[in-house]
Amino acid sequence: MKQDPLSPAATLREAIKQIGSQTATGRLLGVSQAAVWAWLNEGKVLPAEHVLRVEEATGISRHRLRPDVYGPEPAEHAA
């Protein structure tokens, strides 16, 4: 089953790839590589306390990482 590329899980995978690895992500967030693995492989989500740091490190929007906390991505304003 293919994962929705806009899902929080797929977005987390994208963020980890940008950061470099599960280990690098763990270092950035002050957690173990095993914790990062669990978020990816046990159906867990990125804990809310880490969202802003991941957003800062990757440029990936908090709205994509945790739409349940931050709501949907804001619509672009028409020019």
PDB file of N, CA and C in Angstrom:
ATOM      1  N   MET A   1       0.840  -1.180   0.000  1.00  0.00           N
ATOM      2  CA  MET A   1       0.000   0.000   0.000  1.00  0.00           C
ATOM      3  C   MET A   1       0.885   1.242   0.000  1.00  0.00           C
ATOM      4  N   LYS A   2       0.647   2.115  -0.956  1.00  0.00           N
ATOM      5  CA  LYS A   2       1.464   3.322  -1.086  1.00  0.00           C
ATOM      6  C   LYS A   2       0.997   4.382  -0.087  1.00  0.00           C
ATOM      7  N   GLN A   3       1.961   5.061   0.535  1.00  0.00           N
ATOM      8  CA  GLN A   3       1.657   6.068   1.536  1.00  0.00           C
ATOM      9  C   GLN A   3       1.348   7.402   0.859  1.00  0.00           C
ATOM     10  N   ASP A   4       0.336   8.102   1.357  1.00  0.00           N
ATOM     11  CA  ASP A   4      -0.011   9.427   0.858  1.00  0.00           C
ATOM     12  C   ASP A   4       1.198  10.344   1.048  1.00  0.00           C
ATOM     13  N   PRO A   5       1.714  10.960  -0.040  1.00  0.00           N
ATOM     14  CA  PRO A   5       2.913  11.799   0.083  1.00  0.00           C
ATOM     15  C   PRO A   5       2.690  13.046   0.931  1.00  0.00           C
ATOM     16  N   LEU A   6       1.452  13.388   1.215  1.00  0.00           N
ATOM     17  CA  LEU A   6       1.166  14.558   2.039  1.00  0.00           C
ATOM     18  C   LEU A   6       0.846  14.199   3.481  1.00  0.00           C
ATOM     19  N   SER A   7       0.865  12.905   3.806  1.00  0.00           N
ATOM     20  CA  SER A   7       0.546  12.484   5.167  1.00  0.00           C
ATOM     21  C   SER A   7       1.648  12.913   6.136  1.00  0.00           C
ATOM     22  N   PRO A   8       1.308  13.089   7.417  1.00  0.00           N
ATOM     23  CA  PRO A   8       2.340  13.414   8.401  1.00  0.00           C
ATOM     24  C   PRO A   8       3.460  12.373   8.442  1.00  0.00           C
ATOM     25  N   ALA A   9       3.133  11.095   8.254  1.00  0.00           N
ATOM     26  CA  ALA A   9       4.166  10.055   8.278  1.00  0.00           C
ATOM     27  C   ALA A   9       5.135  10.223   7.107  1.00  0.00           C
ATOM     28  N   ALA A  10       4.604  10.481   5.917  1.00  0.00           N
ATOM     29  CA  ALA A  10       5.463  10.687   4.746  1.00  0.00           C
ATOM     30  C   ALA A  10       6.272  11.971   4.902  1.00  0.00           C
ATOM     31  N   THR A  11       5.673  12.976   5.499  1.00  0.00           N
ATOM     32  CA  THR A  11       6.370  14.243   5.724  1.00  0.00           C
ATOM     33  C   THR A  11       7.508  14.046   6.717  1.00  0.00           C
ATOM     34  N   LEU A  12       7.279  13.248   7.752  1.00  0.00           N
ATOM     35  CA  LEU A  12       8.346  12.955   8.710  1.00  0.00           C
ATOM     36  C   LEU A  12       9.492  12.225   8.019  1.00  0.00           C
ATOM     37  N   ARG A  13       9.176  11.268   7.161  1.00  0.00           N
ATOM     38  CA  ARG A  13      10.228  10.568   6.404  1.00  0.00           C
ATOM     39  C   ARG A  13      11.042  11.556   5.564  1.00  0.00           C
ATOM     40  N   GLU A  14      10.348  12.478   4.930  1.00  0.00           N
ATOM     41  CA  GLU A  14      11.017  13.508   4.123  1.00  0.00           C
ATOM     42  C   GLU A  14      11.944  14.356   4.996  1.00  0.00           C
ATOM     43  N   ALA A  15      11.476  14.740   6.179  1.00  0.00           N
ATOM     44  CA  ALA A  15      12.281  15.562   7.092  1.00  0.00           C
ATOM     45  C   ALA A  15      13.536  14.808   7.539  1.00  0.00           C
ATOM     46  N   ILE A  16      13.381  13.549   7.893  1.00  0.00           N
ATOM     47  CA  ILE A  16      14.525  12.748   8.340  1.00  0.00           C
ATOM     48  C   ILE A  16      15.539  12.619   7.212  1.00  0.00           C
ATOM     49  N   LYS A  17      15.056  12.440   6.002  1.00  0.00           N
ATOM     50  CA  LYS A  17      15.954  12.353   4.846  1.00  0.00           C
ATOM     51  C   LYS A  17      16.727  13.663   4.680  1.00  0.00           C
ATOM     52  N   GLN A  18      16.053  14.785   4.833  1.00  0.00           N
ATOM     53  CA  GLN A  18      16.735  16.081   4.715  1.00  0.00           C
ATOM     54  C   GLN A  18      17.766  16.277   5.819  1.00  0.00           C
ATOM     55  N   ILE A  19      17.424  15.852   7.023  1.00  0.00           N
ATOM     56  CA  ILE A  19      18.361  15.990   8.152  1.00  0.00           C
ATOM     57  C   ILE A  19      19.554  15.064   7.959  1.00  0.00           C
ATOM     58  N   GLY A  20      19.333  13.914   7.336  1.00  0.00           N
ATOM     59  CA  GLY A  20      20.450  13.029   7.013  1.00  0.00           C
ATOM     60  C   GLY A  20      20.259  11.586   7.422  1.00  0.00           C
ATOM     61  N   SER A  21      19.657  11.355   8.578  1.00  0.00           N
ATOM     62  CA  SER A  21      19.462   9.990   9.052  1.00  0.00           C
ATOM     63  C   SER A  21      18.616  10.016  10.314  1.00  0.00           C
ATOM     64  N   GLN A  22      18.199   8.833  10.737  1.00  0.00           N
ATOM     65  CA  GLN A  22      17.485   8.727  12.013  1.00  0.00           C
ATOM     66  C   GLN A  22      18.394   9.152  13.159  1.00  0.00           C
ATOM     67  N   THR A  23      19.648   8.776  13.078  1.00  0.00           N
ATOM     68  CA  THR A  23      20.602   9.123  14.135  1.00  0.00           C
ATOM     69  C   THR A  23      20.795  10.632  14.210  1.00  0.00           C
ATOM     70  N   ALA A  24      20.969  11.285  13.067  1.00  0.00           N
ATOM     71  CA  ALA A  24      21.139  12.738  13.036  1.00  0.00           C
ATOM     72  C   ALA A  24      19.882  13.443  13.545  1.00  0.00           C
ATOM     73  N   THR A  25      18.728  12.905  13.203  1.00  0.00           N
ATOM     74  CA  THR A  25      17.471  13.476  13.680  1.00  0.00           C
ATOM     75  C   THR A  25      17.381  13.343  15.193  1.00  0.00           C
ATOM     76  N   GLY A  26      17.741  12.197  15.704  1.00  0.00           N
ATOM     77  CA  GLY A  26      17.759  12.001  17.152  1.00  0.00           C
ATOM     78  C   GLY A  26      18.684  12.979  17.853  1.00  0.00           C
ATOM     79  N   ARG A  27      19.870  13.166  17.287  1.00  0.00           N
ATOM     80  CA  ARG A  27      20.821  14.120  17.881  1.00  0.00           C
ATOM     81  C   ARG A  27      20.237  15.527  17.893  1.00  0.00           C
ATOM     82  N   LEU A  28      19.638  15.933  16.776  1.00  0.00           N
ATOM     83  CA  LEU A  28      19.047  17.261  16.666  1.00  0.00           C
ATOM     84  C   LEU A  28      17.980  17.477  17.734  1.00  0.00           C
ATOM     85  N   LEU A  29      17.203  16.440  18.005  1.00  0.00           N
ATOM     86  CA  LEU A  29      16.062  16.567  18.909  1.00  0.00           C
ATOM     87  C   LEU A  29      16.349  16.112  20.340  1.00  0.00           C
ATOM     88  N   GLY A  30      17.535  15.574  20.576  1.00  0.00           N
ATOM     89  CA  GLY A  30      17.880  15.119  21.922  1.00  0.00           C
ATOM     90  C   GLY A  30      17.171  13.842  22.323  1.00  0.00           C
ATOM     91  N   VAL A  31      16.921  12.981  21.321  1.00  0.00           N
ATOM     92  CA  VAL A  31      16.298  11.684  21.584  1.00  0.00           C
ATOM     93  C   VAL A  31      17.160  10.603  20.938  1.00  0.00           C
ATOM     94  N   SER A  32      16.849   9.368  21.237  1.00  0.00           N
ATOM     95  CA  SER A  32      17.619   8.265  20.668  1.00  0.00           C
ATOM     96  C   SER A  32      17.193   7.979  19.228  1.00  0.00           C
ATOM     97  N   GLN A  33      18.075   7.312  18.495  1.00  0.00           N
ATOM     98  CA  GLN A  33      17.731   6.853  17.153  1.00  0.00           C
ATOM     99  C   GLN A  33      16.557   5.891  17.239  1.00  0.00           C
ATOM    100  N   ALA A  34      16.482   5.111  18.305  1.00  0.00           N
ATOM    101  CA  ALA A  34      15.379   4.163  18.488  1.00  0.00           C
ATOM    102  C   ALA A  34      14.033   4.884  18.604  1.00  0.00           C
ATOM    103  N   ALA A  35      14.019   6.046  19.229  1.00  0.00           N
ATOM    104  CA  ALA A  35      12.776   6.821  19.330  1.00  0.00           C
ATOM    105  C   ALA A  35      12.334   7.276  17.941  1.00  0.00           C
ATOM    106  N   VAL A  36      13.283   7.742  17.142  1.00  0.00           N
ATOM    107  CA  VAL A  36      12.969   8.170  15.781  1.00  0.00           C
ATOM    108  C   VAL A  36      12.461   6.976  14.981  1.00  0.00           C
ATOM    109  N   TRP A  37      13.114   5.831  15.122  1.00  0.00           N
ATOM    110  CA  TRP A  37      12.680   4.611  14.434  1.00  0.00           C
ATOM    111  C   TRP A  37      11.227   4.282  14.807  1.00  0.00           C
ATOM    112  N   ALA A  38      10.901   4.398  16.084  1.00  0.00           N
ATOM    113  CA  ALA A  38       9.547   4.087  16.544  1.00  0.00           C
ATOM    114  C   ALA A  38       8.526   5.024  15.918  1.00  0.00           C
ATOM    115  N   TRP A  39       8.856   6.298  15.788  1.00  0.00           N
ATOM    116  CA  TRP A  39       7.919   7.229  15.151  1.00  0.00           C
ATOM    117  C   TRP A  39       7.616   6.770  13.733  1.00  0.00           C
ATOM    118  N   LEU A  40       8.642   6.275  13.053  1.00  0.00           N
ATOM    119  CA  LEU A  40       8.480   5.853  11.660  1.00  0.00           C
ATOM    120  C   LEU A  40       7.806   4.506  11.512  1.00  0.00           C
ATOM    121  N   ASN A  41       8.118   3.577  12.374  1.00  0.00           N
ATOM    122  CA  ASN A  41       7.740   2.187  12.161  1.00  0.00           C
ATOM    123  C   ASN A  41       6.647   1.649  13.070  1.00  0.00           C
ATOM    124  N   GLU A  42       6.247   2.398  14.055  1.00  0.00           N
ATOM    125  CA  GLU A  42       5.212   1.929  14.966  1.00  0.00           C
ATOM    126  C   GLU A  42       3.962   2.800  14.903  1.00  0.00           C
ATOM    127  N   GLY A  43       3.832   3.539  13.807  1.00  0.00           N
ATOM    128  CA  GLY A  43       2.631   4.344  13.620  1.00  0.00           C
ATOM    129  C   GLY A  43       2.520   5.523  14.567  1.00  0.00           C
ATOM    130  N   LYS A  44       3.636   5.944  15.118  1.00  0.00           N
ATOM    131  CA  LYS A  44       3.622   7.087  16.024  1.00  0.00           C
ATOM    132  C   LYS A  44       3.826   8.359  15.205  1.00  0.00           C
ATOM    133  N   VAL A  45       3.561   9.494  15.806  1.00  0.00           N
ATOM    134  CA  VAL A  45       3.763  10.770  15.131  1.00  0.00           C
ATOM    135  C   VAL A  45       4.914  11.512  15.797  1.00  0.00           C
ATOM    136  N   LEU A  46       5.439  12.483  15.092  1.00  0.00           N
ATOM    137  CA  LEU A  46       6.471  13.335  15.667  1.00  0.00           C
ATOM    138  C   LEU A  46       5.868  14.059  16.866  1.00  0.00           C
ATOM    139  N   PRO A  47       6.432  13.893  18.056  1.00  0.00           N
ATOM    140  CA  PRO A  47       5.885  14.587  19.219  1.00  0.00           C
ATOM    141  C   PRO A  47       5.863  16.100  19.000  1.00  0.00           C
ATOM    142  N   ALA A  48       4.796  16.723  19.443  1.00  0.00           N
ATOM    143  CA  ALA A  48       4.583  18.151  19.207  1.00  0.00           C
ATOM    144  C   ALA A  48       5.749  19.006  19.686  1.00  0.00           C
ATOM    145  N   GLU A  49       6.417  18.587  20.757  1.00  0.00           N
ATOM    146  CA  GLU A  49       7.520  19.411  21.286  1.00  0.00           C
ATOM    147  C   GLU A  49       8.723  19.469  20.339  1.00  0.00           C
ATOM    148  N   HIS A  50       8.761  18.614  19.328  1.00  0.00           N
ATOM    149  CA  HIS A  50       9.876  18.601  18.387  1.00  0.00           C
ATOM    150  C   HIS A  50       9.554  19.236  17.035  1.00  0.00           C
ATOM    151  N   VAL A  51       8.305  19.544  16.796  1.00  0.00           N
ATOM    152  CA  VAL A  51       7.876  20.000  15.477  1.00  0.00           C
ATOM    153  C   VAL A  51       8.591  21.277  15.044  1.00  0.00           C
ATOM    154  N   LEU A  52       8.667  22.265  15.917  1.00  0.00           N
ATOM    155  CA  LEU A  52       9.253  23.544  15.514  1.00  0.00           C
ATOM    156  C   LEU A  52      10.740  23.422  15.210  1.00  0.00           C
ATOM    157  N   ARG A  53      11.451  22.569  15.935  1.00  0.00           N
ATOM    158  CA  ARG A  53      12.871  22.370  15.663  1.00  0.00           C
ATOM    159  C   ARG A  53      13.061  21.687  14.306  1.00  0.00           C
ATOM    160  N   VAL A  54      12.220  20.708  13.988  1.00  0.00           N
ATOM    161  CA  VAL A  54      12.302  20.038  12.683  1.00  0.00           C
ATOM    162  C   VAL A  54      11.959  21.032  11.573  1.00  0.00           C
ATOM    163  N   GLU A  55      10.945  21.847  11.801  1.00  0.00           N
ATOM    164  CA  GLU A  55      10.579  22.867  10.809  1.00  0.00           C
ATOM    165  C   GLU A  55      11.759  23.813  10.566  1.00  0.00           C
ATOM    166  N   GLU A  56      12.404  24.256  11.624  1.00  0.00           N
ATOM    167  CA  GLU A  56      13.545  25.167  11.508  1.00  0.00           C
ATOM    168  C   GLU A  56      14.705  24.515  10.764  1.00  0.00           C
ATOM    169  N   ALA A  57      14.956  23.245  11.028  1.00  0.00           N
ATOM    170  CA  ALA A  57      16.095  22.548  10.419  1.00  0.00           C
ATOM    171  C   ALA A  57      15.860  22.188   8.963  1.00  0.00           C
ATOM    172  N   THR A  58      14.599  21.974   8.595  1.00  0.00           N
ATOM    173  CA  THR A  58      14.315  21.457   7.251  1.00  0.00           C
ATOM    174  C   THR A  58      13.531  22.406   6.359  1.00  0.00           C
ATOM    175  N   GLY A  59      12.831  23.342   6.959  1.00  0.00           N
ATOM    176  CA  GLY A  59      11.937  24.207   6.188  1.00  0.00           C
ATOM    177  C   GLY A  59      10.596  23.557   5.886  1.00  0.00           C
ATOM    178  N   ILE A  60      10.397  22.343   6.383  1.00  0.00           N
ATOM    179  CA  ILE A  60       9.120  21.655   6.187  1.00  0.00           C
ATOM    180  C   ILE A  60       8.128  22.207   7.202  1.00  0.00           C
ATOM    181  N   SER A  61       6.989  22.618   6.713  1.00  0.00           N
ATOM    182  CA  SER A  61       5.992  23.297   7.525  1.00  0.00           C
ATOM    183  C   SER A  61       5.458  22.456   8.679  1.00  0.00           C
ATOM    184  N   ARG A  62       5.293  23.108   9.812  1.00  0.00           N
ATOM    185  CA  ARG A  62       4.673  22.484  10.983  1.00  0.00           C
ATOM    186  C   ARG A  62       3.266  21.986  10.659  1.00  0.00           C
ATOM    187  N   HIS A  63       2.615  22.635   9.703  1.00  0.00           N
ATOM    188  CA  HIS A  63       1.261  22.245   9.317  1.00  0.00           C
ATOM    189  C   HIS A  63       1.262  20.897   8.599  1.00  0.00           C
ATOM    190  N   ARG A  64       2.348  20.598   7.893  1.00  0.00           N
ATOM    191  CA  ARG A  64       2.481  19.291   7.243  1.00  0.00           C
ATOM    192  C   ARG A  64       2.927  18.225   8.226  1.00  0.00           C
ATOM    193  N   LEU A  65       3.797  18.609   9.175  1.00  0.00           N
ATOM    194  CA  LEU A  65       4.312  17.647  10.144  1.00  0.00           C
ATOM    195  C   LEU A  65       3.245  17.212  11.145  1.00  0.00           C
ATOM    196  N   ARG A  66       2.434  18.133  11.606  1.00  0.00           N
ATOM    197  CA  ARG A  66       1.403  17.823  12.609  1.00  0.00           C
ATOM    198  C   ARG A  66       0.143  18.651  12.359  1.00  0.00           C
ATOM    199  N   PRO A  67      -0.609  18.328  11.310  1.00  0.00           N
ATOM    200  CA  PRO A  67      -1.840  19.082  11.041  1.00  0.00           C
ATOM    201  C   PRO A  67      -2.871  18.950  12.162  1.00  0.00           C
ATOM    202  N   ASP A  68      -2.774  17.908  12.960  1.00  0.00           N
ATOM    203  CA  ASP A  68      -3.700  17.747  14.081  1.00  0.00           C
ATOM    204  C   ASP A  68      -3.447  18.771  15.179  1.00  0.00           C
ATOM    205  N   VAL A  69      -2.238  19.311  15.241  1.00  0.00           N
ATOM    206  CA  VAL A  69      -1.876  20.310  16.245  1.00  0.00           C
ATOM    207  C   VAL A  69      -1.941  21.721  15.660  1.00  0.00           C
ATOM    208  N   TYR A  70      -1.378  21.902  14.451  1.00  0.00           N
ATOM    209  CA  TYR A  70      -1.230  23.228  13.859  1.00  0.00           C
ATOM    210  C   TYR A  70      -2.270  23.561  12.801  1.00  0.00           C
ATOM    211  N   GLY A  71      -3.142  22.618  12.491  1.00  0.00           N
ATOM    212  CA  GLY A  71      -4.149  22.858  11.474  1.00  0.00           C
ATOM    213  C   GLY A  71      -3.584  22.663  10.084  1.00  0.00           C
ATOM    214  N   PRO A  72      -4.441  22.790   9.074  1.00  0.00           N
ATOM    215  CA  PRO A  72      -3.988  22.598   7.693  1.00  0.00           C
ATOM    216  C   PRO A  72      -3.067  23.728   7.253  1.00  0.00           C
ATOM    217  N   GLU A  73      -2.312  23.445   6.223  1.00  0.00           N
ATOM    218  CA  GLU A  73      -1.413  24.441   5.638  1.00  0.00           C
ATOM    219  C   GLU A  73      -2.239  25.663   5.226  1.00  0.00           C
ATOM    220  N   PRO A  74      -1.821  26.865   5.625  1.00  0.00           N
ATOM    221  CA  PRO A  74      -2.579  28.062   5.229  1.00  0.00           C
ATOM    222  C   PRO A  74      -2.577  28.219   3.701  1.00  0.00           C
ATOM    223  N   ALA A  75      -3.668  28.678   3.164  1.00  0.00           N
ATOM    224  CA  ALA A  75      -3.773  28.897   1.713  1.00  0.00           C
ATOM    225  C   ALA A  75      -2.916  30.098   1.334  1.00  0.00           C
ATOM    226  N   GLU A  76      -2.360  30.024   0.151  1.00  0.00           N
ATOM    227  CA  GLU A  76      -1.569  31.147  -0.376  1.00  0.00           C
ATOM    228  C   GLU A  76      -2.517  32.325  -0.632  1.00  0.00           C
ATOM    229  N   HIS A  77      -2.040  33.500  -0.324  1.00  0.00           N
ATOM    230  CA  HIS A  77      -2.850  34.677  -0.597  1.00  0.00           C
ATOM    231  C   HIS A  77      -2.789  35.020  -2.073  1.00  0.00           C
ATOM    232  N   ALA A  78      -3.928  35.328  -2.643  1.00  0.00           N
ATOM    233  CA  ALA A  78      -3.976  35.683  -4.069  1.00  0.00           C
ATOM    234  C   ALA A  78      -3.277  37.022  -4.273  1.00  0.00           C
ATOM    235  N   ALA A  79      -2.546  37.117  -5.363  1.00  0.00           N
ATOM    236  CA  ALA A  79      -1.792  38.354  -5.649  1.00  0.00           C
ATOM    237  C   ALA A  79      -2.696  39.454  -6.156  1.00  0.00           C
TER     238      ALA A  79
END
